[in-house]
Amino acid sequence: MNETGFPPTVVAAIIGGAISLLALALNAVFSNRRERTSRQRQEFSEAFAACMAYREFAYVVRRRRSDAPQDERVRISSELSNIQRELAYYSAWLATESIGISRTYEALVAKLREVAGAKIREAWLTPPIDSDSGMNMPDLGLSELKPLEEAYLQEVAWHLSAIARPIRRLTESLSHKLKNTK
């Protein structure tokens, strides 16, 4: 017996059990974090894919078939409607996951609708393609979306990072200041 009034084997068993419970609890916490991060990574990438799909419609409309215009209008408008629904879903979902990501996504979607939406409207005014040579498309000027796409992806990277976002922003800010003073 020792000062606690328990035999050393009992004390060792209690300590061992407590350590095991602590290890089990930590494992559950880290496992849940990994699962949540994995789920979020998947959803964030699908939200971005919905933006890229919408962007592609500027080309899809231009490349529509000329032999079945009515069928193409129905097909394309139906697909576009599905993409619009996805954009709305991800906008709502992101608002519940992260304010920062939600803001960058909303900015991306707004600019996407402005820029790519205008190109889609223009594409409907062009005649459908009736030859293979028409499949080659000129640059439609969608590069102005690039900074907003990169901002969204950066915000996602910060959110998924193991380093806390405020700490990461602080270190990046300090790094930026150091580069500018050289």
Foldseek 3Di string as FASTA:
>chain_A
DDPVPDDPVVVVVVVVVVVVVVVVVVVVVVVVLVVVLVVVVVLLVVLLVLLVVLLCLLLVLQAFEQVCVVVSVVVSVVVNVVSVVSNVVSLVVVVVVDPQLSVLSVVLVVVSCVQSVVSNVVSNVDHHDDDPVSSDDDPSPPCVSVVSSVSNVVSSCLVSDPDPNVVVVVVVVVVVVVVVVD
